[in-house]
Protein backbone atom coordinates (compact mmCIF):
# COMPACT_ATOMS: atom_id res chain seq x y z
CA MET A 1 31.84 24.85 -32.40
CA ASN A 2 30.11 22.77 -34.43
CA PHE A 3 30.20 18.81 -35.09
CA THR A 4 31.22 18.25 -38.47
CA ARG A 5 29.19 15.62 -40.26
CA TRP A 6 26.21 14.95 -38.24
CA SER A 7 23.18 14.18 -39.62
CA ALA A 8 19.96 15.51 -38.68
CA ARG A 9 17.51 12.86 -40.05
CA LEU A 10 13.62 12.75 -39.77
CA PRO A 11 11.85 9.22 -40.46
CA GLY A 12 10.68 9.11 -44.37
CA THR A 13 13.94 11.49 -45.17
CA GLN A 14 15.49 10.22 -48.26
CA ARG A 15 19.34 10.84 -48.53
CA ARG A 16 20.05 12.43 -52.34
CA ALA A 17 23.53 11.92 -53.70
CA ALA A 18 22.95 14.63 -55.86
CA ALA A 19 22.59 17.10 -53.26
CA ARG A 20 25.82 16.07 -51.92
CA THR A 21 27.88 16.40 -54.94
CA ASP A 22 26.21 19.81 -55.48
CA ARG A 23 27.07 21.45 -52.57
CA GLY A 24 30.17 19.52 -51.40
CA SER A 25 31.06 18.61 -47.59
CA VAL A 26 28.85 19.87 -45.69
CA PRO A 27 29.41 23.52 -46.02
CA ALA A 28 26.21 24.17 -43.94
CA ALA A 29 28.11 22.28 -41.00
CA ARG A 30 31.11 24.89 -41.41
CA GLY A 31 28.92 27.71 -41.69
CA GLU A 32 30.43 28.82 -45.33
CA TYR A 33 26.47 29.30 -46.27
CA GLY A 34 24.15 31.18 -44.23
CA PRO A 35 20.47 30.28 -43.81
CA GLY A 36 18.64 29.33 -46.66
CA PRO A 37 15.43 30.28 -47.98
CA ASP A 38 12.94 30.09 -45.12
CA THR A 39 11.12 26.92 -46.49
CA TRP A 40 10.94 23.03 -45.37
CA PRO A 41 10.54 19.80 -46.76
CA ASP A 42 7.76 19.13 -48.47
CA GLY A 43 5.00 16.64 -47.02
CA ASP A 44 6.10 14.02 -49.56
CA GLY A 45 9.48 13.60 -48.01
CA THR A 46 11.73 15.55 -50.95
CA GLU A 47 13.06 19.58 -50.08
CA GLY A 48 10.91 22.37 -51.29
CA PRO A 49 12.81 24.76 -53.27
CA GLY A 50 16.34 26.34 -52.13
CA ALA A 51 15.78 24.26 -48.90
CA PRO A 52 19.25 22.48 -47.60
CA ALA A 53 19.02 18.51 -47.27
CA LEU A 54 18.29 17.52 -43.94
CA GLU A 55 21.72 15.79 -43.73
CA GLU A 56 23.51 19.08 -43.98
CA LEU A 57 21.42 21.20 -41.40
CA SER A 58 24.35 22.51 -38.60
CA VAL A 59 23.54 19.98 -35.38
CA ARG A 60 24.98 23.21 -33.20
CA ARG A 61 22.48 25.18 -35.31
CA LEU A 62 19.34 22.86 -33.82
CA LEU A 63 20.72 22.35 -30.34
CA GLY A 64 21.37 26.11 -29.95
CA GLU A 65 17.67 26.85 -30.49
CA LEU A 66 15.75 24.16 -28.27
CA PRO A 67 14.05 25.19 -25.51
CA ALA A 68 15.27 22.48 -23.30
CA LEU A 69 18.66 22.12 -21.67
CA VAL A 70 21.49 20.25 -23.90
CA ALA A 71 24.80 18.93 -22.58
CA LEU A 72 27.56 17.18 -24.73
CA VAL A 73 30.00 15.49 -22.56
CA TYR A 74 32.79 13.05 -23.44
CA GLY A 75 34.73 10.15 -21.95
CA PRO A 76 35.14 8.49 -18.65
CA GLU A 77 35.39 11.93 -16.67
CA HIS A 78 32.67 13.35 -19.05
CA ARG A 79 34.64 16.29 -20.25
CA VAL A 80 32.66 19.03 -21.59
CA ALA A 81 31.91 19.40 -25.24
CA TYR A 82 29.24 21.57 -25.79
CA VAL A 83 26.38 23.56 -24.03
CA ASN A 84 23.65 25.17 -25.80
CA ASP A 85 22.15 28.66 -25.30
CA ALA A 86 19.43 27.51 -22.85
CA TYR A 87 21.91 25.66 -20.68
CA ALA A 88 24.32 28.77 -20.55
CA THR A 89 21.00 31.13 -19.70
CA VAL A 90 20.15 28.99 -16.45
CA PHE A 91 23.46 27.81 -15.67
CA GLY A 92 25.88 29.96 -17.13
CA PRO A 93 28.68 29.28 -19.70
CA ARG A 94 30.86 26.10 -19.58
CA THR A 95 34.21 25.48 -20.50
CA PRO A 96 35.35 23.36 -23.26
CA GLY A 97 37.14 20.46 -21.81
CA ALA A 98 36.68 20.22 -18.25
CA PRO A 99 35.55 17.74 -16.55
CA ALA A 100 31.59 17.81 -15.40
CA ALA A 101 32.42 16.87 -11.88
CA LYS A 102 34.41 20.58 -12.07
CA ALA A 103 32.24 22.52 -14.90
CA LEU A 104 29.18 20.99 -14.23
CA PRO A 105 27.97 20.63 -10.62
CA GLU A 106 24.58 21.43 -11.45
CA LEU A 107 25.01 17.12 -12.79
CA GLU A 108 26.12 16.34 -10.08
CA GLU A 109 23.41 17.81 -7.45
CA LEU A 110 21.07 16.55 -9.99
CA GLY A 111 22.66 13.04 -9.34
CA LEU A 112 23.66 12.66 -12.85
CA LEU A 113 27.15 11.69 -12.98
CA PRO A 114 26.56 7.97 -11.33
CA LEU A 115 24.01 7.43 -14.22
CA MET A 116 26.27 8.65 -16.74
CA ASP A 117 28.95 6.58 -16.13
CA GLN A 118 25.87 3.92 -16.22
CA VAL A 119 24.74 5.31 -19.39
CA LEU A 120 28.29 5.17 -20.79
CA ARG A 121 29.07 1.32 -19.92
CA SER A 122 26.01 -0.13 -21.58
CA GLY A 123 25.35 2.31 -24.50
CA LYS A 124 21.65 2.35 -23.18
CA PRO A 125 19.89 5.89 -22.77
CA ARG A 126 18.64 6.57 -19.10
CA THR A 127 15.84 8.47 -17.74
CA VAL A 128 15.31 10.51 -14.49
CA LYS A 129 11.87 12.39 -13.56
CA SER A 130 11.52 15.93 -11.85
CA ARG A 131 15.10 16.39 -10.24
CA LYS A 132 14.81 19.22 -8.20
CA ALA A 133 18.33 21.57 -8.33
CA GLN A 134 19.70 23.89 -5.95
CA SER A 135 18.43 26.74 -7.95
CA GLY A 136 14.87 25.70 -7.28
CA GLY A 137 13.98 24.26 -11.07
CA SER A 138 12.72 20.71 -11.66
CA TYR A 139 14.08 18.70 -14.82
CA THR A 140 13.34 15.62 -16.35
CA VAL A 141 16.50 14.24 -17.97
CA THR A 142 17.33 11.91 -20.25
CA CYS A 143 20.83 10.89 -20.62
CA THR A 144 21.86 9.48 -24.50
CA PRO A 145 24.78 7.83 -25.56
CA VAL A 146 26.84 9.17 -28.93
CA ALA A 147 29.85 8.43 -30.53
CA ILE A 148 32.10 11.49 -31.50
CA PRO A 149 35.20 11.64 -33.50
CA ALA A 150 38.13 13.16 -32.79
CA ARG A 151 39.68 15.80 -34.17
CA GLY A 152 40.85 15.00 -37.54
CA GLU A 153 38.35 12.18 -38.22
CA GLY A 154 35.91 14.27 -39.19
CA GLY A 155 37.56 17.69 -39.69
CA GLY A 156 36.83 20.68 -38.17
CA GLY A 157 36.10 21.71 -34.16
CA VAL A 158 34.95 18.35 -33.15
CA LEU A 159 36.33 18.46 -29.49
CA PRO A 160 37.98 15.58 -28.59
CA ALA A 161 41.64 15.60 -29.12
CA ARG A 162 43.38 13.11 -32.00
CA GLY A 163 42.97 9.60 -30.39
CA GLU A 164 40.25 10.73 -27.81
CA GLY A 165 37.47 9.66 -29.87
CA GLY A 166 34.49 7.78 -28.28
CA GLY A 167 31.56 7.56 -26.20
CA GLY A 168 29.95 10.54 -25.05
CA VAL A 169 26.75 11.60 -23.29
CA LEU A 170 24.18 13.70 -24.71
CA VAL A 171 22.52 15.14 -21.81
CA HIS A 172 18.70 16.43 -22.46
CA ALA A 173 17.09 18.48 -19.34
CA ALA A 174 13.29 19.65 -19.57
CA ASP A 175 12.47 22.02 -17.16
CA VAL A 176 9.41 20.77 -15.62
CA THR A 177 9.12 23.05 -12.38
CA ASP A 178 5.58 24.24 -13.00
CA HIS A 179 4.61 20.59 -13.57
CA ALA A 180 6.41 19.19 -10.13
CA GLU A 181 5.40 22.74 -8.43
CA ALA A 182 2.10 21.84 -9.33
CA ALA A 183 2.01 17.72 -8.33
CA GLU A 184 3.63 19.42 -4.94
CA ARG A 185 0.74 21.44 -4.49
CA LEU A 186 -1.52 18.41 -4.79
CA ARG A 187 1.02 16.40 -2.33
CA ALA A 188 0.48 19.26 0.14
CA SER A 189 -3.24 18.97 -0.24
CA GLU A 190 -3.87 15.30 0.00
CA ARG A 191 -1.21 15.37 3.25
CA ARG A 192 -3.70 18.35 4.62
CA HIS A 193 -6.40 16.23 3.94
CA ARG A 194 -5.58 13.16 5.37
CA GLU A 195 -4.11 14.98 8.34
CA THR A 196 -7.85 16.30 8.45
CA ALA A 197 -9.28 12.73 8.51
CA VAL A 198 -6.43 11.37 10.98
CA THR A 199 -7.50 14.42 13.29
CA LEU A 200 -11.08 13.63 12.61
CA GLN A 201 -11.03 10.02 12.82
CA ARG A 202 -8.93 10.74 16.31
CA SER A 203 -11.39 12.99 18.14
CA LEU A 204 -14.45 10.80 17.23
CA LEU A 205 -13.00 7.84 18.78
CA PRO A 206 -13.17 7.03 22.86
CA GLN A 207 -10.39 10.24 24.06
CA GLU A 208 -10.55 7.03 26.99
CA LEU A 209 -12.06 3.93 27.39
CA GLU A 210 -14.83 3.16 29.88
CA GLN A 211 -13.48 0.48 32.55
CA PRO A 212 -15.94 -1.80 33.35
CA ASP A 213 -16.10 -3.86 37.12
CA ASP A 214 -15.79 -7.45 35.56
CA LEU A 215 -13.67 -6.33 32.89
CA ARG A 216 -10.66 -5.08 31.46
CA VAL A 217 -9.88 -3.45 28.24
CA ALA A 218 -7.95 -1.85 26.15
CA ALA A 219 -7.89 -1.03 22.14
CA THR A 220 -5.53 0.51 19.82
CA TYR A 221 -6.24 2.55 16.23
CA GLN A 222 -3.57 2.62 13.91
CA PRO A 223 -4.15 4.64 11.13
CA GLY A 224 -2.61 3.35 7.15
CA GLY A 225 0.37 4.58 5.97
CA THR A 226 1.11 7.98 4.38
CA ASP A 227 0.08 6.29 0.75
CA ALA A 228 -3.53 5.19 2.29
CA ALA A 229 -6.62 7.23 3.00
CA VAL A 230 -7.56 7.37 6.03
CA GLY A 231 -10.67 4.43 6.66
CA GLY A 232 -13.82 4.70 9.02
CA ASP A 233 -12.58 2.39 11.68
CA TRP A 234 -13.97 2.14 15.16
CA TYR A 235 -14.42 1.20 18.52
CA ASP A 236 -16.78 1.59 22.26
CA VAL A 237 -16.89 0.03 25.39
CA ILE A 238 -20.53 1.82 27.16
CA THR A 239 -21.59 0.35 30.13
CA LEU A 240 -24.73 -0.78 30.52
CA GLY A 241 -25.77 -1.00 34.26
CA ALA A 242 -26.18 -3.71 36.76
CA GLY A 243 -22.78 -4.52 35.94
CA ARG A 244 -23.45 -5.71 32.10
CA THR A 245 -21.04 -3.87 29.38
CA ALA A 246 -21.49 -3.13 25.88
CA LEU A 247 -18.32 -3.93 23.31
CA VAL A 248 -18.34 -2.08 19.66
CA ILE A 249 -16.17 -2.49 16.99
CA GLY A 250 -17.17 -1.46 13.03
CA ASP A 251 -15.70 -0.25 9.60
CA VAL A 252 -17.47 2.40 7.13
CA MET A 253 -16.08 1.20 3.95
CA GLY A 254 -14.73 4.40 2.92
CA ARG A 255 -11.82 6.66 2.89
CA GLY A 256 -11.18 10.17 3.87
CA VAL A 257 -12.92 12.71 5.64
CA ARG A 258 -16.29 11.40 4.58
CA ALA A 259 -16.04 7.93 6.21
CA ALA A 260 -14.45 9.15 9.37
CA ALA A 261 -18.00 11.75 9.28
CA VAL A 262 -20.11 8.67 8.91
CA MET A 263 -18.46 6.45 11.45
CA GLY A 264 -18.85 9.77 14.00
CA GLN A 265 -22.38 9.46 13.20
CA LEU A 266 -23.02 5.72 13.88
CA ARG A 267 -20.60 5.56 16.99
CA THR A 268 -23.02 8.27 18.50
CA ALA A 269 -25.88 6.19 17.41
CA VAL A 270 -24.63 2.92 18.53
CA ARG A 271 -23.78 4.75 22.39
CA ALA A 272 -27.87 6.15 22.17
CA TYR A 273 -29.78 2.84 21.41
CA ALA A 274 -26.95 1.40 23.96
CA ARG A 275 -28.86 3.35 26.76
CA LEU A 276 -32.13 1.44 25.77
CA ASP A 277 -30.61 -2.10 27.05
CA LEU A 278 -31.81 -3.46 23.62
CA PRO A 279 -30.36 -7.24 22.69
CA PRO A 280 -27.20 -6.82 20.03
CA HIS A 281 -29.68 -8.06 16.99
CA GLU A 282 -32.25 -5.31 17.92
CA VAL A 283 -29.45 -2.35 18.01
CA LEU A 284 -27.87 -3.66 14.78
CA GLN A 285 -31.37 -3.50 12.93
CA LEU A 286 -31.49 0.05 14.40
CA LEU A 287 -28.28 1.12 13.05
CA ASP A 288 -29.06 -0.65 9.31
CA GLY A 289 -32.04 1.49 8.77
CA LEU A 290 -29.54 4.84 10.24
CA ALA A 291 -26.55 3.74 8.13
CA ALA A 292 -29.00 3.85 4.92
CA GLU A 293 -30.29 6.85 5.75
CA ILE A 294 -26.76 8.67 6.67
CA ASP A 295 -25.43 7.72 3.45
CA ALA A 296 -26.99 5.30 1.24
CA SER A 297 -23.29 4.75 -1.02
CA GLN A 298 -21.39 3.80 2.23
CA ILE A 299 -22.26 0.48 4.20
CA ALA A 300 -20.51 -0.17 7.49
CA THR A 301 -19.43 -3.72 9.15
CA CYS A 302 -20.06 -3.89 12.71
CA VAL A 303 -20.09 -6.23 15.53
CA TYR A 304 -22.42 -5.34 18.95
CA ALA A 305 -21.66 -7.79 22.29
CA VAL A 306 -22.86 -7.47 25.72
CA HIS A 307 -21.17 -8.82 28.49
CA ASP A 308 -22.98 -9.68 31.86
CA PRO A 309 -20.92 -10.90 34.60
CA ASN A 310 -23.97 -13.23 35.89
CA GLU A 311 -23.69 -15.32 33.07
CA GLY A 312 -19.87 -15.58 32.27
CA ARG A 313 -20.48 -14.82 28.62
CA LEU A 314 -20.58 -12.65 25.22
CA VAL A 315 -24.45 -11.98 23.90
CA TYR A 316 -23.05 -10.64 20.04
CA ALA A 317 -24.85 -9.40 16.73
CA SER A 318 -22.68 -9.11 13.92
CA ALA A 319 -23.28 -6.91 10.56
CA GLY A 320 -20.90 -8.56 8.08
CA HIS A 321 -18.10 -8.45 10.51
CA LEU A 322 -15.35 -10.37 10.95
CA PRO A 323 -15.40 -13.14 13.49
CA VAL A 324 -14.83 -12.24 17.45
CA LEU A 325 -12.45 -14.14 18.34
CA VAL A 326 -11.98 -15.68 22.29
CA ARG A 327 -8.65 -17.32 24.10
CA HIS A 328 -9.36 -19.36 27.03
CA GLU A 329 -7.28 -19.39 29.93
CA ASP A 330 -5.44 -22.85 28.53
CA GLY A 331 -4.38 -21.37 24.94
CA SER A 332 -6.96 -22.85 22.98
CA VAL A 333 -9.08 -19.76 20.56
CA HIS A 334 -12.21 -19.91 19.75
CA ARG A 335 -14.38 -18.60 16.75
CA ALA A 336 -17.92 -16.79 16.91
CA GLU A 337 -18.72 -17.14 13.37
CA ASP A 338 -22.55 -17.48 13.65
CA PRO A 339 -24.99 -15.78 13.11
CA ASN A 340 -23.35 -13.32 10.99
CA GLY A 341 -25.79 -11.11 9.09
CA PRO A 342 -25.30 -8.38 6.24
CA PRO A 343 -23.37 -5.22 6.40
CA LEU A 344 -25.25 -2.01 7.92
CA GLY A 345 -26.97 -0.23 5.44
CA THR A 346 -28.15 -3.00 3.06
CA GLY A 347 -31.69 -3.14 4.51
CA GLY A 348 -34.43 -6.20 4.01
CA TRP A 349 -32.11 -8.29 6.71
CA LEU A 350 -33.55 -9.63 10.42
CA HIS A 351 -30.25 -9.78 12.87
CA THR A 352 -30.23 -12.16 15.38
CA SER A 353 -27.96 -12.74 18.23
CA GLY A 354 -25.39 -15.30 19.17
CA THR A 355 -23.92 -16.25 22.27
CA ILE A 356 -20.07 -17.47 23.03
CA ALA A 357 -18.42 -18.20 26.58
CA LEU A 358 -16.10 -15.72 28.02
CA PRO A 359 -15.35 -17.54 31.38
CA PRO A 360 -12.83 -15.86 33.83
CA GLY A 361 -8.80 -15.60 32.61
CA ALA A 362 -10.82 -15.36 29.21
CA THR A 363 -9.60 -12.85 26.55
CA ALA A 364 -11.60 -11.71 23.65
CA VAL A 365 -10.47 -9.80 20.49
CA LEU A 366 -12.52 -7.59 18.59
CA TYR A 367 -10.98 -6.06 15.16
CA THR A 368 -10.94 -4.79 11.66
CA ASP A 369 -9.84 -6.04 8.47
CA GLY A 370 -6.58 -4.28 8.32
CA LEU A 371 -5.24 -6.00 10.55
CA VAL A 372 -5.96 -9.27 9.02
CA GLU A 373 -6.33 -8.47 5.21
CA ARG A 374 -3.54 -9.23 2.43
CA ARG A 375 -3.49 -8.32 -0.70
CA GLY A 376 -3.40 -11.38 -2.75
CA GLU A 377 -4.15 -13.76 0.26
CA ASP A 378 -7.47 -15.30 1.53
CA ILE A 379 -8.92 -13.33 4.68
CA ASP A 380 -9.26 -16.54 6.11
CA GLU A 381 -5.70 -17.25 5.96
CA GLY A 382 -5.28 -13.74 8.16
CA VAL A 383 -8.46 -14.49 10.47
CA ALA A 384 -5.97 -17.90 11.06
CA ALA A 385 -2.60 -15.88 11.52
CA LEU A 386 -4.47 -14.23 14.09
CA GLU A 387 -5.63 -17.37 16.01
CA ARG A 388 -2.24 -18.36 16.17
CA ALA A 389 -0.94 -14.94 17.36
CA LEU A 390 -3.82 -14.84 20.35
CA SER A 391 -3.17 -18.63 21.38
CA GLY A 392 0.29 -17.38 22.89
CA ALA A 393 -0.38 -13.74 23.63
CA VAL A 394 -0.41 -13.27 27.46
CA GLY A 395 -0.40 -9.96 29.69
CA THR A 396 -2.58 -7.12 29.99
CA PRO A 397 -4.87 -6.06 27.43
CA GLN A 398 -3.02 -3.40 26.13
CA VAL A 399 0.46 -5.92 26.13
CA VAL A 400 -1.96 -8.45 24.19
CA CYS A 401 -2.82 -5.34 21.59
CA ASP A 402 0.51 -4.39 20.65
CA ARG A 403 1.68 -8.00 20.34
CA LEU A 404 -1.41 -8.56 17.81
CA ILE A 405 -0.59 -6.13 16.20
CA ARG A 406 3.42 -6.55 15.70
CA SER A 407 2.76 -10.11 15.20
CA LEU A 408 0.50 -9.69 12.05
CA GLY A 409 3.17 -7.65 10.69
CA VAL A 410 1.12 -4.08 10.93
CA THR A 411 3.80 -1.16 10.50
CA ALA A 412 3.56 2.45 10.24
CA GLU A 413 3.46 2.22 6.22
CA HIS A 414 0.96 -0.91 6.60
CA ASP A 415 -2.00 -0.13 3.85
CA ASP A 416 -5.06 0.14 5.89
CA ASP A 417 -6.46 1.40 9.23
CA VAL A 418 -6.57 -0.88 12.07
CA ALA A 419 -8.62 -0.95 14.95
CA VAL A 420 -8.33 -3.72 17.96
CA LEU A 421 -10.45 -4.30 20.91
CA VAL A 422 -9.31 -6.53 23.43
CA LEU A 423 -11.23 -7.35 27.14
CA GLN A 424 -10.02 -9.78 29.51
CA HIS A 425 -12.32 -11.64 32.16
CA PRO A 426 -10.18 -11.90 34.86
CA ALA A 427 -9.94 -14.69 37.30
CA ARG A 428 -9.79 -13.52 40.77
CA THR A 429 -8.17 -15.30 43.71
CA GLY A 430 -6.93 -14.34 46.74
CA PRO A 431 -7.74 -11.14 48.51
CA ASN A 432 -9.20 -9.68 45.12
CA ALA A 433 -11.51 -12.32 44.98
CA GLU A 434 -12.85 -11.50 48.36
CA LEU A 435 -14.18 -7.90 46.62
CA PHE A 436 -16.41 -9.17 44.20
CA HIS A 437 -19.65 -11.30 45.66
CA ASN A 438 -22.61 -12.86 44.18
CA ALA A 439 -26.09 -13.83 46.20
CA ALA A 440 -29.52 -14.48 44.92
CA LEU A 441 -32.82 -15.48 46.45
CA ASP A 442 -35.96 -17.12 44.12
CA LEU A 443 -39.47 -15.25 45.40
CA LEU A 444 -42.90 -17.98 45.09
CA GLY A 445 -45.11 -14.55 45.57
CA GLY A 446 -47.17 -14.18 48.21
CA VAL A 447 -47.71 -12.00 51.19
CA GLU A 448 -44.36 -13.15 52.76
CA ALA A 449 -42.53 -12.46 49.59
CA ALA A 450 -41.28 -8.89 50.75
CA PRO A 451 -40.08 -9.86 54.20
CA ARG A 452 -38.20 -12.43 52.90
CA ALA A 453 -36.92 -10.12 50.73
CA ARG A 454 -35.83 -7.83 53.46
CA ALA A 455 -34.44 -10.79 55.28
CA PHE A 456 -32.26 -12.07 52.71
CA ALA A 457 -30.51 -8.10 51.76
CA SER A 458 -29.75 -7.42 55.17
CA GLY A 459 -28.05 -10.41 56.18
CA VAL A 460 -26.19 -10.45 52.78
CA LEU A 461 -24.67 -7.03 53.11
CA ALA A 462 -23.82 -7.64 56.64
CA SER A 463 -21.96 -10.55 55.92
CA TRP A 464 -20.10 -8.35 53.15
CA ARG A 465 -19.66 -5.51 55.89
CA PHE A 466 -20.84 -2.37 54.22
CA PRO A 467 -21.44 0.54 56.39
CA VAL A 468 -24.66 0.47 58.05
CA GLU A 469 -25.83 3.17 56.24
CA LEU A 470 -24.95 2.08 52.84
CA ARG A 471 -26.55 -1.22 54.36
CA ASP A 472 -29.97 0.55 55.22
CA LEU A 473 -30.32 1.93 51.96
CA GLY A 474 -29.23 -1.47 49.87
CA VAL A 475 -32.35 -3.11 52.11
CA LEU A 476 -34.76 -0.23 51.12
CA ALA A 477 -34.51 -0.43 47.45
CA ALA A 478 -34.34 -3.81 47.65
CA SER A 479 -37.82 -4.25 49.26
CA GLU A 480 -39.10 -0.99 47.14
CA LEU A 481 -37.93 -3.33 44.02
CA VAL A 482 -39.32 -6.39 45.12
CA ALA A 483 -42.83 -4.74 46.08
CA ASN A 484 -43.17 -2.97 42.23
CA SER A 485 -42.71 -6.97 41.11
CA LEU A 486 -44.77 -8.46 43.54
CA GLN A 487 -47.26 -5.84 42.06
CA HIS A 488 -46.81 -5.14 38.72
CA GLY A 489 -45.24 -8.57 37.51
CA THR A 490 -45.71 -12.30 37.05
CA PRO A 491 -43.58 -15.40 38.57
CA PRO A 492 -40.99 -16.45 37.96
CA MET A 493 -39.24 -13.82 40.58
CA ARG A 494 -35.76 -13.35 41.74
CA LEU A 495 -33.77 -10.73 43.89
CA ARG A 496 -29.98 -10.97 43.14
CA LEU A 497 -27.28 -8.82 45.15
CA ARG A 498 -23.60 -8.30 43.74
CA ARG A 499 -20.67 -6.47 44.96
CA THR A 500 -18.04 -5.46 42.88
CA ASP A 501 -14.74 -3.29 44.08
CA ARG A 502 -16.85 -0.40 43.10
CA ARG A 503 -20.80 -0.75 43.93
CA LEU A 504 -23.36 -2.87 45.11
CA ILE A 505 -25.98 -3.66 42.45
CA ILE A 506 -29.11 -5.02 43.18
CA GLU A 507 -31.79 -6.55 40.62
CA VAL A 508 -34.98 -8.37 40.58
CA THR A 509 -36.11 -10.27 37.45
CA ASP A 510 -39.60 -11.17 36.48
CA GLY A 511 -41.94 -12.82 33.86
CA ASP A 512 -43.23 -9.48 32.76
CA ASP A 513 -41.95 -7.64 29.93
CA HIS A 514 -43.53 -3.70 30.54
CA LEU A 515 -40.76 -1.60 31.77
CA PRO A 516 -41.31 0.24 34.71
CA ARG A 517 -41.63 4.24 34.64
CA ARG A 518 -41.02 6.40 36.79
CA ARG A 519 -43.71 8.95 37.30
CA ARG A 520 -44.50 11.86 39.81
CA ALA A 521 -46.86 10.06 42.47
CA ASP A 522 -50.02 13.03 43.51
CA PRO A 523 -50.40 12.79 47.63
CA GLY A 524 -53.52 10.92 47.55
CA ASP A 525 -51.86 8.04 45.39
CA GLU A 526 -51.17 4.54 47.07
CA SER A 527 -49.04 3.44 44.88
CA GLY A 528 -46.67 4.70 42.74
CA ARG A 529 -43.69 5.76 44.71
CA GLY A 530 -41.46 3.09 44.64
CA ILE A 531 -39.23 3.98 41.69
CA SER A 532 -39.07 7.45 42.89
CA ILE A 533 -38.21 6.26 46.17
CA VAL A 534 -34.94 3.72 43.91
CA ALA A 535 -34.00 6.58 41.51
CA THR A 536 -33.46 9.07 44.49
CA ILE A 537 -31.38 6.94 46.98
CA ALA A 538 -29.66 4.85 44.78
CA SER A 539 -26.73 6.32 42.28
CA SER A 540 -28.41 5.29 39.58
CA TRP A 541 -31.15 2.79 38.37
CA GLY A 542 -32.69 1.06 34.91
CA SER A 543 -34.96 -2.09 33.19
CA ARG A 544 -34.54 -3.73 30.46
CA ARG A 545 -36.50 -6.75 29.20
CA THR A 546 -34.84 -10.07 29.20
CA PRO A 547 -34.70 -13.38 27.22
CA GLY A 548 -37.95 -15.19 26.72
CA GLY A 549 -39.82 -12.23 27.30
CA GLY A 550 -39.40 -11.15 31.22
CA LYS A 551 -37.79 -7.98 32.70
CA ALA A 552 -35.07 -6.60 35.62
CA VAL A 553 -35.10 -3.71 37.32
CA TRP A 554 -31.71 -2.54 39.10
CA CYS A 555 -30.14 0.25 41.26
CA GLU A 556 -26.83 0.61 41.91
CA PHE A 557 -25.14 2.21 44.70
CA ALA A 558 -21.40 3.51 44.51
CA LEU A 559 -19.29 2.56 47.40
CA PRO A 560 -17.39 4.56 49.84
CA THR A 561 -13.56 4.96 48.55
């Protein structure tokens, strides 16, 4: 079959009446002439010697030599008019006149039949990319509307019967299997890379949060959707001793495995610096230098906060991070906005610490920018939305975490990863309140200070109904810490006793900032054994500098279960 009086015209080609007059009615289209000499049009658009006019070339011959798959269908049922050799080689020969739904099942596999209906109705071409057939091949298909004359209207073997001429669709399918397979390999590689980054990220986060005596904490980490690269968000909860707790959240400004690796190094460093029990701004100062050494091209934001149950507040420092939010028991929400320094890794900045109240019944939220940042919106709008959500959020820390995630519209397909850390300072009443007590004694120095401290400790521990053995150990520890402070410290001095549901804490503060060290005393030494005694009988001990130039030395005893 051939396509009588169809023209294949290249831009710039001129129709020449003389060529048509000399050769009659398109003999090449009806096979009356064989191929001409192997010559082509000259560069000026005119044919060379012996070359056929372009409008006289057989369309069937041209389509048949194309490497792409070509099919021509006509009518509302898309009946088969023609398939070229490439099409028949891949899918087999097809019966002319049969509906495409039966004769061309591969078009249905590729989802093209509805598209062909649309092309036929609209008269506009449509293209679909990289459709996969059951044969395993992938094709980019263009469906183009064409006008087909019926038999008798153009002569020769045109497919539609008399009176059935009209609309048809030319289906051109380019084999893109190699390209599709390469793209799939790339996607698979990206998926593996992302899965590796997510696995690394999760493995570097705390597998189980420490639960301080005086706080209730929960955290959530959610990686971004499949189209988002994994970032370097992290959080941590670190018990410092003497009832104090460090809370950390940060975000490495990068993506993928490298960001997760940097995050892991920073988190490890934070835990190490936290053991020094430094003020928050000094911890960030150390982290700032370390971040530049790890990778100068990647910076990070971070908030480091410390909760002291004796003070009822958070002491914090921020390196370019979003503000901590605190919800009071009455539903009011407060921001901890100042001070805020530049991100870690920038260098040249002296960080400072700030404070925000965390009274009993309050809830604090630390979070990364993925929770509140949206494209096209100011980030302050997101923080304000989080404040509104937090004002009505009640329940356990994990319930609050989940509610904030939902309220801010974070889903599995979110475009950034999100970390949220929620802590609550419970308001204790009833029998539970009896498990938490504080007592303090100011010491003026002199020879009577040590006996007063022993008598005070003995009376308080007896009133708390501790076993005799624990009470005796507590009195001994208090006596040794007070004696150490009297010998090496300066006024003002204070002895503080504190019990929780899990431990007894004994702490002595004074005005000297020289921290004691445990050392081995020689048999002839008359001093130097106090700290060693405390370290031996207590579950743990430590010391830290206090604001204003003093120090605190403490020890803990685990309560019997």
